[in-house]
Amino acid sequence: MRIANPSSDWGSYLNQIVDTVAPDPFLLEKGSVKNGEILIRYSSRTKNKGMKEDPIPIKYLLPEPPTGKNKKFTLIRGDLVGTIHTTMTARKDQEDITTMEGKKFARADTCMIINRT
């Protein structure tokens, strides 16, 4: 995901790629996030404090489609929503992404998966 709204506290993070928190991006240690928010993990830009976790309004986030070969992605729309695939080709100048199995999906229906283990 990437931050797409320059308003409020998130303006300095515009277009920065962020991760949703696994296993549940809707739960904080102290309970559920507010309605319309999701918990993200991101690196501090002003202080060298490593990764931070905070809730953010979902309306400020946009999916980031994968580019390149052998990249994992999930579908965010359609009958196969939530399924994970691997790219064979995924260029920014093309509207479709082709998987290793030869299936084609619209870039707008995908979001890359970053494994940070």
Protein backbone atom coordinates (compact mmCIF):
# COMPACT_ATOMS: atom_id res chain seq x y z
CA MET A 1 0.00 0.00 0.00
CA ARG A 2 1.12 3.57 -0.37
CA ILE A 3 -0.05 6.75 1.30
CA ALA A 4 -1.89 8.90 -1.22
CA ASN A 5 -3.38 11.82 0.69
CA PRO A 6 -1.07 14.70 1.70
CA SER A 7 -3.42 15.99 4.40
CA SER A 8 -3.08 15.97 8.20
CA ASP A 9 -0.29 14.12 10.00
CA TRP A 10 0.48 11.87 7.03
CA GLY A 11 1.54 14.60 4.56
CA SER A 12 5.27 13.93 4.93
CA TYR A 13 4.67 10.26 4.06
CA LEU A 14 3.01 10.97 0.69
CA ASN A 15 3.71 8.13 -1.79
CA GLN A 16 5.70 6.15 0.79
CA ILE A 17 5.03 2.42 0.67
CA VAL A 18 3.70 1.00 3.93
CA ASP A 19 2.81 -2.49 5.16
CA THR A 20 -0.38 -3.57 6.79
CA VAL A 21 0.23 -5.32 10.07
CA ALA A 22 -0.17 -9.09 10.15
CA PRO A 23 -1.87 -11.20 11.32
CA ASP A 24 -4.72 -8.70 11.81
CA PRO A 25 -4.44 -5.12 10.48
CA PHE A 26 -7.62 -4.18 12.37
CA LEU A 27 -6.42 -4.96 15.91
CA LEU A 28 -4.12 -2.96 18.15
CA GLU A 29 -2.65 -4.37 21.37
CA LYS A 30 -5.21 -2.22 23.21
CA GLY A 31 -8.18 -3.32 21.04
CA SER A 32 -9.74 -2.72 17.64
CA VAL A 33 -8.85 0.26 15.48
CA LYS A 34 -11.57 2.84 14.79
CA ASN A 35 -14.08 2.18 12.04
CA GLY A 36 -12.56 3.20 8.69
CA GLU A 37 -8.93 2.77 9.85
CA ILE A 38 -6.26 0.12 9.34
CA LEU A 39 -3.04 -0.54 11.25
CA ILE A 40 0.13 0.04 9.20
CA ARG A 41 3.86 -0.46 9.75
CA TYR A 42 6.26 2.13 8.36
CA SER A 43 9.73 3.52 8.96
CA SER A 44 10.20 6.77 10.85
CA ARG A 45 11.38 9.53 8.52
CA THR A 46 12.57 12.05 11.09
CA LYS A 47 14.15 9.94 13.81
CA ASN A 48 16.13 6.74 13.48
CA LYS A 49 13.68 4.69 15.56
CA GLY A 50 13.12 1.80 13.15
CA MET A 51 9.64 0.64 12.29
CA LYS A 52 6.54 2.29 13.74
CA GLU A 53 2.96 1.03 13.89
CA ASP A 54 -0.03 3.34 13.81
CA PRO A 55 -3.66 3.33 12.67
CA ILE A 56 -4.41 5.39 9.57
CA PRO A 57 -7.69 6.15 7.78
CA ILE A 58 -8.12 3.68 4.92
CA LYS A 59 -9.11 6.56 2.62
CA TYR A 60 -5.46 7.72 2.67
CA LEU A 61 -4.14 4.44 1.22
CA LEU A 62 -3.90 3.17 -2.35
CA PRO A 63 -2.88 -0.32 -3.46
CA GLU A 64 0.57 -0.59 -5.03
CA PRO A 65 0.65 -3.04 -7.97
CA PRO A 66 3.77 -5.20 -8.38
CA THR A 67 6.40 -4.59 -11.06
CA GLY A 68 9.00 -7.02 -12.35
CA LYS A 69 9.31 -10.80 -12.38
CA ASN A 70 8.79 -13.21 -9.44
CA LYS A 71 6.90 -10.68 -7.30
CA LYS A 72 4.09 -11.83 -5.01
CA PHE A 73 0.76 -10.02 -5.20
CA THR A 74 -2.83 -10.41 -4.06
CA LEU A 75 -6.06 -9.59 -5.81
CA ILE A 76 -8.12 -6.84 -4.16
CA ARG A 77 -11.21 -7.06 -6.39
CA GLY A 78 -13.26 -9.73 -8.11
CA ASP A 79 -14.10 -13.36 -7.45
CA LEU A 80 -10.50 -14.27 -6.55
CA VAL A 81 -10.00 -11.48 -3.99
CA GLY A 82 -7.33 -12.39 -1.43
CA THR A 83 -5.65 -15.04 -3.56
CA ILE A 84 -1.86 -14.83 -3.88
CA HIS A 85 -0.03 -15.06 -7.20
CA THR A 86 3.51 -14.61 -8.57
CA THR A 87 4.29 -12.35 -11.52
CA MET A 88 5.87 -13.52 -14.73
CA THR A 89 5.62 -10.03 -16.26
CA ALA A 90 4.40 -6.84 -14.63
CA ARG A 91 5.39 -3.59 -16.31
CA LYS A 92 4.19 -0.16 -15.24
CA ASP A 93 3.35 0.76 -18.83
CA GLN A 94 1.00 -2.21 -19.30
CA GLU A 95 -2.55 -2.55 -17.99
CA ASP A 96 -2.30 -6.30 -17.28
CA ILE A 97 -0.09 -8.45 -15.08
CA THR A 98 0.73 -11.99 -16.21
CA THR A 99 1.28 -14.70 -13.59
CA MET A 100 3.69 -17.64 -13.75
CA GLU A 101 0.65 -19.80 -14.65
CA GLY A 102 -0.15 -17.53 -17.62
CA LYS A 103 -3.23 -15.90 -16.06
CA LYS A 104 -3.78 -12.19 -16.69
CA PHE A 105 -5.14 -9.69 -14.17
CA ALA A 106 -5.71 -5.94 -14.42
CA ARG A 107 -3.01 -3.96 -12.55
CA ALA A 108 -5.76 -1.92 -10.89
CA ASP A 109 -7.06 -5.11 -9.22
CA THR A 110 -3.73 -6.04 -7.58
CA CYS A 111 -1.58 -5.09 -4.61
CA MET A 112 1.99 -6.28 -4.09
CA ILE A 113 2.97 -8.35 -1.08
CA ILE A 114 6.22 -7.58 0.72
CA ASN A 115 7.61 -10.35 2.90
CA ARG A 116 9.57 -8.80 5.77
CA THR A 117 10.57 -11.93 7.69
